[in-house]
Structure formats: structure tokens, C-alpha cells
Amino acid sequence: MSMPDELIGQVITVLCLNYYSYTGKLVEIGATCLKLENPIMTYNEIVPRLTERTVERLPATFWYVELTAIESFGLAG
């Protein structure tokens, strides 16, 4: 997956495998991962007729997300 360089400096959300999503300011796009600043992780647990959502600020200023784990992405809003 490739991400457009125009997203650098923007707050984005990336939806990943296994019901995880990450939101943060995109500061770098590397060959294998992207770097988010002030990251927040959301985990969605799907059970019959109920979706539970956990939102957690990650314990670091920067967080790296593997490009091969990303299903979709866009500007956070």
C-alpha cells in the first residue's frame, strides 16, 4: 500500500487488520511503516448484536504502523 505524501502533517486515521485503528498526525511515510505523532488507538470488539469500542492514548509521542497491516486510511474528522 502506498500513501500520498500530501497527507504528511495532517491528522489521519488508519484502519488496520484485527479491528484496530490508529489516529494521529502523520509525520513520516517509510518503506515499511508510517510514523504517527500523539497516537490514539481504537479497538473494536464485535460480538453478536453488540460492538464495544475501546479508545486509548498510546504511551508514546510517536507510534509506528506497519503498512501491510493497513486496510484503509483517510483524514480524521
PDB file of N, CA and C in Angstrom:
ATOM      1  N   MET A   1       0.851  -1.173   0.000  1.00  0.00           N
ATOM      2  CA  MET A   1       0.000   0.000   0.000  1.00  0.00           C
ATOM      3  C   MET A   1       0.896   1.235   0.000  1.00  0.00           C
ATOM      4  N   SER A   2       0.524   2.210  -0.769  1.00  0.00           N
ATOM      5  CA  SER A   2       1.266   3.468  -0.738  1.00  0.00           C
ATOM      6  C   SER A   2       0.321   4.577  -0.278  1.00  0.00           C
ATOM      7  N   MET A   3       0.889   5.510   0.464  1.00  0.00           N
ATOM      8  CA  MET A   3       0.107   6.641   0.967  1.00  0.00           C
ATOM      9  C   MET A   3       0.604   7.905   0.279  1.00  0.00           C
ATOM     10  N   PRO A   4      -0.287   8.802  -0.075  1.00  0.00           N
ATOM     11  CA  PRO A   4       0.141  10.045  -0.725  1.00  0.00           C
ATOM     12  C   PRO A   4       0.897  10.953   0.241  1.00  0.00           C
ATOM     13  N   ASP A   5       1.994  11.528  -0.245  1.00  0.00           N
ATOM     14  CA  ASP A   5       2.810  12.426   0.575  1.00  0.00           C
ATOM     15  C   ASP A   5       2.027  13.660   1.035  1.00  0.00           C
ATOM     16  N   GLU A   6       0.942  14.003   0.352  1.00  0.00           N
ATOM     17  CA  GLU A   6       0.150  15.179   0.735  1.00  0.00           C
ATOM     18  C   GLU A   6      -0.469  15.020   2.121  1.00  0.00           C
ATOM     19  N   LEU A   7      -0.550  13.795   2.625  1.00  0.00           N
ATOM     20  CA  LEU A   7      -1.118  13.569   3.956  1.00  0.00           C
ATOM     21  C   LEU A   7      -0.138  13.890   5.088  1.00  0.00           C
ATOM     22  N   ILE A   8       1.143  14.031   4.773  1.00  0.00           N
ATOM     23  CA  ILE A   8       2.125  14.349   5.818  1.00  0.00           C
ATOM     24  C   ILE A   8       1.765  15.686   6.446  1.00  0.00           C
ATOM     25  N   GLY A   9       1.744  15.702   7.771  1.00  0.00           N
ATOM     26  CA  GLY A   9       1.375  16.903   8.515  1.00  0.00           C
ATOM     27  C   GLY A   9      -0.105  16.959   8.875  1.00  0.00           C
ATOM     28  N   GLN A  10      -0.906  16.053   8.307  1.00  0.00           N
ATOM     29  CA  GLN A  10      -2.338  16.003   8.572  1.00  0.00           C
ATOM     30  C   GLN A  10      -2.634  14.966   9.655  1.00  0.00           C
ATOM     31  N   VAL A  11      -3.738  15.152  10.366  1.00  0.00           N
ATOM     32  CA  VAL A  11      -4.201  14.132  11.319  1.00  0.00           C
ATOM     33  C   VAL A  11      -5.020  13.127  10.526  1.00  0.00           C
ATOM     34  N   ILE A  12      -4.578  11.869  10.571  1.00  0.00           N
ATOM     35  CA  ILE A  12      -5.229  10.824   9.789  1.00  0.00           C
ATOM     36  C   ILE A  12      -5.684   9.683  10.700  1.00  0.00           C
ATOM     37  N   THR A  13      -6.557   8.856  10.168  1.00  0.00           N
ATOM     38  CA  THR A  13      -6.946   7.602  10.809  1.00  0.00           C
ATOM     39  C   THR A  13      -6.631   6.488   9.839  1.00  0.00           C
ATOM     40  N   VAL A  14      -5.976   5.435  10.344  1.00  0.00           N
ATOM     41  CA  VAL A  14      -5.715   4.252   9.536  1.00  0.00           C
ATOM     42  C   VAL A  14      -6.468   3.080  10.162  1.00  0.00           C
ATOM     43  N   LEU A  15      -7.209   2.368   9.344  1.00  0.00           N
ATOM     44  CA  LEU A  15      -7.940   1.187   9.796  1.00  0.00           C
ATOM     45  C   LEU A  15      -7.088  -0.028   9.455  1.00  0.00           C
ATOM     46  N   CYS A  16      -6.854  -0.856  10.461  1.00  0.00           N
ATOM     47  CA  CYS A  16      -5.950  -1.992  10.302  1.00  0.00           C
ATOM     48  C   CYS A  16      -6.667  -3.308  10.519  1.00  0.00           C
ATOM     49  N   LEU A  17      -5.945  -4.377  10.249  1.00  0.00           N
ATOM     50  CA  LEU A  17      -6.452  -5.729  10.464  1.00  0.00           C
ATOM     51  C   LEU A  17      -6.800  -5.921  11.931  1.00  0.00           C
ATOM     52  N   ASN A  18      -7.636  -6.883  12.217  1.00  0.00           N
ATOM     53  CA  ASN A  18      -7.995  -7.270  13.590  1.00  0.00           C
ATOM     54  C   ASN A  18      -8.713  -6.176  14.371  1.00  0.00           C
ATOM     55  N   TYR A  19      -9.501  -5.338  13.700  1.00  0.00           N
ATOM     56  CA  TYR A  19     -10.367  -4.350  14.346  1.00  0.00           C
ATOM     57  C   TYR A  19      -9.635  -3.198  15.021  1.00  0.00           C
ATOM     58  N   TYR A  20      -8.385  -2.948  14.678  1.00  0.00           N
ATOM     59  CA  TYR A  20      -7.644  -1.824  15.252  1.00  0.00           C
ATOM     60  C   TYR A  20      -7.684  -0.634  14.304  1.00  0.00           C
ATOM     61  N   SER A  21      -7.709   0.571  14.874  1.00  0.00           N
ATOM     62  CA  SER A  21      -7.491   1.780  14.088  1.00  0.00           C
ATOM     63  C   SER A  21      -6.591   2.706  14.898  1.00  0.00           C
ATOM     64  N   TYR A  22      -5.837   3.512  14.188  1.00  0.00           N
ATOM     65  CA  TYR A  22      -4.910   4.448  14.815  1.00  0.00           C
ATOM     66  C   TYR A  22      -5.166   5.825  14.242  1.00  0.00           C
ATOM     67  N   THR A  23      -5.164   6.836  15.110  1.00  0.00           N
ATOM     68  CA  THR A  23      -5.333   8.220  14.686  1.00  0.00           C
ATOM     69  C   THR A  23      -4.178   9.024  15.249  1.00  0.00           C
ATOM     70  N   GLY A  24      -3.615   9.886  14.431  1.00  0.00           N
ATOM     71  CA  GLY A  24      -2.527  10.750  14.867  1.00  0.00           C
ATOM     72  C   GLY A  24      -2.044  11.594  13.700  1.00  0.00           C
ATOM     73  N   LYS A  25      -1.149  12.509  13.999  1.00  0.00           N
ATOM     74  CA  LYS A  25      -0.562  13.351  12.961  1.00  0.00           C
ATOM     75  C   LYS A  25       0.482  12.543  12.207  1.00  0.00           C
ATOM     76  N   LEU A  26       0.320  12.422  10.899  1.00  0.00           N
ATOM     77  CA  LEU A  26       1.262  11.678  10.073  1.00  0.00           C
ATOM     78  C   LEU A  26       2.525  12.512   9.894  1.00  0.00           C
ATOM     79  N   VAL A  27       3.652  12.000  10.391  1.00  0.00           N
ATOM     80  CA  VAL A  27       4.903  12.760  10.293  1.00  0.00           C
ATOM     81  C   VAL A  27       5.906  12.145   9.330  1.00  0.00           C
ATOM     82  N   GLU A  28       5.721  10.854   8.998  1.00  0.00           N
ATOM     83  CA  GLU A  28       6.670  10.209   8.095  1.00  0.00           C
ATOM     84  C   GLU A  28       6.050   8.974   7.465  1.00  0.00           C
ATOM     85  N   ILE A  29       6.358   8.759   6.187  1.00  0.00           N
ATOM     86  CA  ILE A  29       5.969   7.543   5.494  1.00  0.00           C
ATOM     87  C   ILE A  29       7.251   6.841   5.090  1.00  0.00           C
ATOM     88  N   GLY A  30       7.524   5.691   5.684  1.00  0.00           N
ATOM     89  CA  GLY A  30       8.726   4.937   5.364  1.00  0.00           C
ATOM     90  C   GLY A  30       8.438   3.838   4.351  1.00  0.00           C
ATOM     91  N   ALA A  31       9.449   3.035   4.090  1.00  0.00           N
ATOM     92  CA  ALA A  31       9.305   1.944   3.124  1.00  0.00           C
ATOM     93  C   ALA A  31       8.370   0.852   3.645  1.00  0.00           C
ATOM     94  N   THR A  32       8.356   0.637   4.976  1.00  0.00           N
ATOM     95  CA  THR A  32       7.553  -0.449   5.539  1.00  0.00           C
ATOM     96  C   THR A  32       6.538   0.005   6.576  1.00  0.00           C
ATOM     97  N   CYS A  33       6.647   1.245   7.042  1.00  0.00           N
ATOM     98  CA  CYS A  33       5.725   1.703   8.084  1.00  0.00           C
ATOM     99  C   CYS A  33       5.531   3.208   7.994  1.00  0.00           C
ATOM    100  N   LEU A  34       4.509   3.679   8.711  1.00  0.00           N
ATOM    101  CA  LEU A  34       4.308   5.118   8.822  1.00  0.00           C
ATOM    102  C   LEU A  34       4.452   5.513  10.286  1.00  0.00           C
ATOM    103  N   LYS A  35       4.758   6.769  10.509  1.00  0.00           N
ATOM    104  CA  LYS A  35       5.005   7.291  11.859  1.00  0.00           C
ATOM    105  C   LYS A  35       3.921   8.303  12.195  1.00  0.00           C
ATOM    106  N   LEU A  36       3.220   8.046  13.321  1.00  0.00           N
ATOM    107  CA  LEU A  36       2.167   8.946  13.797  1.00  0.00           C
ATOM    108  C   LEU A  36       2.615   9.650  15.067  1.00  0.00           C
ATOM    109  N   GLU A  37       2.257  10.915  15.190  1.00  0.00           N
ATOM    110  CA  GLU A  37       2.550  11.700  16.388  1.00  0.00           C
ATOM    111  C   GLU A  37       1.280  11.819  17.231  1.00  0.00           C
ATOM    112  N   ASN A  38       1.435  11.738  18.566  1.00  0.00           N
ATOM    113  CA  ASN A  38       0.317  11.794  19.514  1.00  0.00           C
ATOM    114  C   ASN A  38      -0.772  10.775  19.147  1.00  0.00           C
ATOM    115  N   PRO A  39      -0.392   9.497  19.092  1.00  0.00           N
ATOM    116  CA  PRO A  39      -1.296   8.471  18.592  1.00  0.00           C
ATOM    117  C   PRO A  39      -2.393   8.063  19.567  1.00  0.00           C
ATOM    118  N   ILE A  40      -3.534   7.743  18.996  1.00  0.00           N
ATOM    119  CA  ILE A  40      -4.665   7.165  19.725  1.00  0.00           C
ATOM    120  C   ILE A  40      -5.014   5.862  19.020  1.00  0.00           C
ATOM    121  N   MET A  41      -5.243   4.802  19.789  1.00  0.00           N
ATOM    122  CA  MET A  41      -5.629   3.511  19.224  1.00  0.00           C
ATOM    123  C   MET A  41      -7.078   3.238  19.606  1.00  0.00           C
ATOM    124  N   THR A  42      -7.833   2.734  18.660  1.00  0.00           N
ATOM    125  CA  THR A  42      -9.197   2.306  18.918  1.00  0.00           C
ATOM    126  C   THR A  42      -9.281   0.830  18.581  1.00  0.00           C
ATOM    127  N   TYR A  43      -9.863   0.075  19.501  1.00  0.00           N
ATOM    128  CA  TYR A  43     -10.065  -1.355  19.286  1.00  0.00           C
ATOM    129  C   TYR A  43     -11.554  -1.619  19.315  1.00  0.00           C
ATOM    130  N   ASN A  44     -12.064  -2.209  18.259  1.00  0.00           N
ATOM    131  CA  ASN A  44     -13.482  -2.551  18.180  1.00  0.00           C
ATOM    132  C   ASN A  44     -13.636  -4.051  18.354  1.00  0.00           C
ATOM    133  N   GLU A  45     -14.379  -4.445  19.362  1.00  0.00           N
ATOM    134  CA  GLU A  45     -14.657  -5.861  19.582  1.00  0.00           C
ATOM    135  C   GLU A  45     -16.081  -6.132  19.144  1.00  0.00           C
ATOM    136  N   ILE A  46     -16.214  -7.007  18.171  1.00  0.00           N
ATOM    137  CA  ILE A  46     -17.539  -7.302  17.639  1.00  0.00           C
ATOM    138  C   ILE A  46     -18.014  -8.625  18.233  1.00  0.00           C
ATOM    139  N   VAL A  47     -19.130  -8.552  18.913  1.00  0.00           N
ATOM    140  CA  VAL A  47     -19.801  -9.728  19.458  1.00  0.00           C
ATOM    141  C   VAL A  47     -21.221  -9.697  18.909  1.00  0.00           C
ATOM    142  N   PRO A  48     -21.942 -10.787  18.964  1.00  0.00           N
ATOM    143  CA  PRO A  48     -23.295 -10.784  18.382  1.00  0.00           C
ATOM    144  C   PRO A  48     -24.156  -9.614  18.872  1.00  0.00           C
ATOM    145  N   ARG A  49     -24.647  -8.821  17.923  1.00  0.00           N
ATOM    146  CA  ARG A  49     -25.563  -7.692  18.155  1.00  0.00           C
ATOM    147  C   ARG A  49     -24.984  -6.598  19.040  1.00  0.00           C
ATOM    148  N   LEU A  50     -23.678  -6.547  19.202  1.00  0.00           N
ATOM    149  CA  LEU A  50     -23.077  -5.522  20.062  1.00  0.00           C
ATOM    150  C   LEU A  50     -21.662  -5.240  19.583  1.00  0.00           C
ATOM    151  N   THR A  51     -21.318  -3.986  19.510  1.00  0.00           N
ATOM    152  CA  THR A  51     -19.949  -3.600  19.203  1.00  0.00           C
ATOM    153  C   THR A  51     -19.434  -2.775  20.367  1.00  0.00           C
ATOM    154  N   GLU A  52     -18.380  -3.235  20.997  1.00  0.00           N
ATOM    155  CA  GLU A  52     -17.744  -2.491  22.078  1.00  0.00           C
ATOM    156  C   GLU A  52     -16.516  -1.807  21.522  1.00  0.00           C
ATOM    157  N   ARG A  53     -16.286  -0.586  21.958  1.00  0.00           N
ATOM    158  CA  ARG A  53     -15.174   0.191  21.447  1.00  0.00           C
ATOM    159  C   ARG A  53     -14.331   0.687  22.611  1.00  0.00           C
ATOM    160  N   THR A  54     -13.025   0.487  22.500  1.00  0.00           N
ATOM    161  CA  THR A  54     -12.087   0.976  23.498  1.00  0.00           C
ATOM    162  C   THR A  54     -11.144   1.964  22.821  1.00  0.00           C
ATOM    163  N   VAL A  55     -11.053   3.172  23.364  1.00  0.00           N
ATOM    164  CA  VAL A  55     -10.160   4.198  22.835  1.00  0.00           C
ATOM    165  C   VAL A  55      -9.081   4.445  23.875  1.00  0.00           C
ATOM    166  N   GLU A  56      -7.844   4.451  23.420  1.00  0.00           N
ATOM    167  CA  GLU A  56      -6.726   4.556  24.343  1.00  0.00           C
ATOM    168  C   GLU A  56      -5.612   5.408  23.743  1.00  0.00           C
ATOM    169  N   ARG A  57      -5.145   6.403  24.503  1.00  0.00           N
ATOM    170  CA  ARG A  57      -3.970   7.159  24.071  1.00  0.00           C
ATOM    171  C   ARG A  57      -2.767   6.267  24.304  1.00  0.00           C
ATOM    172  N   LEU A  58      -1.942   6.109  23.281  1.00  0.00           N
ATOM    173  CA  LEU A  58      -0.785   5.221  23.395  1.00  0.00           C
ATOM    174  C   LEU A  58       0.319   5.895  24.200  1.00  0.00           C
ATOM    175  N   PRO A  59       1.144   5.105  24.915  1.00  0.00           N
ATOM    176  CA  PRO A  59       2.122   5.650  25.864  1.00  0.00           C
ATOM    177  C   PRO A  59       3.415   6.127  25.210  1.00  0.00           C
ATOM    178  N   ALA A  60       3.298   6.849  24.113  1.00  0.00           N
ATOM    179  CA  ALA A  60       4.486   7.349  23.415  1.00  0.00           C
ATOM    180  C   ALA A  60       4.093   8.569  22.594  1.00  0.00           C
ATOM    181  N   THR A  61       5.051   9.424  22.341  1.00  0.00           N
ATOM    182  CA  THR A  61       4.803  10.588  21.488  1.00  0.00           C
ATOM    183  C   THR A  61       4.638  10.164  20.040  1.00  0.00           C
ATOM    184  N   PHE A  62       5.391   9.137  19.630  1.00  0.00           N
ATOM    185  CA  PHE A  62       5.339   8.635  18.255  1.00  0.00           C
ATOM    186  C   PHE A  62       5.003   7.151  18.257  1.00  0.00           C
ATOM    187  N   TRP A  63       4.262   6.717  17.219  1.00  0.00           N
ATOM    188  CA  TRP A  63       3.906   5.313  17.086  1.00  0.00           C
ATOM    189  C   TRP A  63       4.042   4.929  15.619  1.00  0.00           C
ATOM    190  N   TYR A  64       4.517   3.721  15.365  1.00  0.00           N
ATOM    191  CA  TYR A  64       4.731   3.245  14.001  1.00  0.00           C
ATOM    192  C   TYR A  64       3.684   2.186  13.654  1.00  0.00           C
ATOM    193  N   VAL A  65       3.142   2.281  12.449  1.00  0.00           N
ATOM    194  CA  VAL A  65       2.136   1.338  11.984  1.00  0.00           C
ATOM    195  C   VAL A  65       2.672   0.681  10.710  1.00  0.00           C
ATOM    196  N   GLU A  66       2.663  -0.640  10.695  1.00  0.00           N
ATOM    197  CA  GLU A  66       3.138  -1.410   9.552  1.00  0.00           C
ATOM    198  C   GLU A  66       2.204  -1.204   8.356  1.00  0.00           C
ATOM    199  N   LEU A  67       2.760  -0.824   7.217  1.00  0.00           N
ATOM    200  CA  LEU A  67       1.943  -0.547   6.034  1.00  0.00           C
ATOM    201  C   LEU A  67       1.146  -1.759   5.577  1.00  0.00           C
ATOM    202  N   THR A  68       1.701  -2.951   5.708  1.00  0.00           N
ATOM    203  CA  THR A  68       0.993  -4.147   5.236  1.00  0.00           C
ATOM    204  C   THR A  68      -0.219  -4.488   6.093  1.00  0.00           C
ATOM    205  N   ALA A  69      -0.340  -3.887   7.280  1.00  0.00           N
ATOM    206  CA  ALA A  69      -1.487  -4.135   8.159  1.00  0.00           C
ATOM    207  C   ALA A  69      -2.640  -3.167   7.902  1.00  0.00           C
ATOM    208  N   ILE A  70      -2.404  -2.139   7.082  1.00  0.00           N
ATOM    209  CA  ILE A  70      -3.420  -1.101   6.845  1.00  0.00           C
ATOM    210  C   ILE A  70      -4.399  -1.541   5.766  1.00  0.00           C
ATOM    211  N   GLU A  71      -5.687  -1.470   6.100  1.00  0.00           N
ATOM    212  CA  GLU A  71      -6.740  -1.770   5.135  1.00  0.00           C
ATOM    213  C   GLU A  71      -7.216  -0.517   4.408  1.00  0.00           C
ATOM    214  N   SER A  72      -7.311   0.605   5.150  1.00  0.00           N
ATOM    215  CA  SER A  72      -7.751   1.857   4.551  1.00  0.00           C
ATOM    216  C   SER A  72      -7.283   3.010   5.417  1.00  0.00           C
ATOM    217  N   PHE A  73      -7.353   4.232   4.872  1.00  0.00           N
ATOM    218  CA  PHE A  73      -6.894   5.412   5.599  1.00  0.00           C
ATOM    219  C   PHE A  73      -7.572   6.654   5.059  1.00  0.00           C
ATOM    220  N   GLY A  74      -7.550   7.719   5.866  1.00  0.00           N
ATOM    221  CA  GLY A  74      -8.109   8.991   5.435  1.00  0.00           C
ATOM    222  C   GLY A  74      -7.898  10.052   6.490  1.00  0.00           C
ATOM    223  N   LEU A  75      -8.272  11.272   6.158  1.00  0.00           N
ATOM    224  CA  LEU A  75      -8.160  12.373   7.119  1.00  0.00           C
ATOM    225  C   LEU A  75      -9.124  12.151   8.273  1.00  0.00           C
ATOM    226  N   ALA A  76      -8.638  12.405   9.482  1.00  0.00           N
ATOM    227  CA  ALA A  76      -9.506  12.281  10.665  1.00  0.00           C
ATOM    228  C   ALA A  76     -10.410  13.496  10.710  1.00  0.00           C
ATOM    229  N   GLY A  77     -11.606  13.310  11.148  1.00  0.00           N
ATOM    230  CA  GLY A  77     -12.519  14.434  11.156  1.00  0.00           C
ATOM    231  C   GLY A  77     -13.369  14.444  12.291  1.00  0.00           C
TER     232      GLY A  77
END
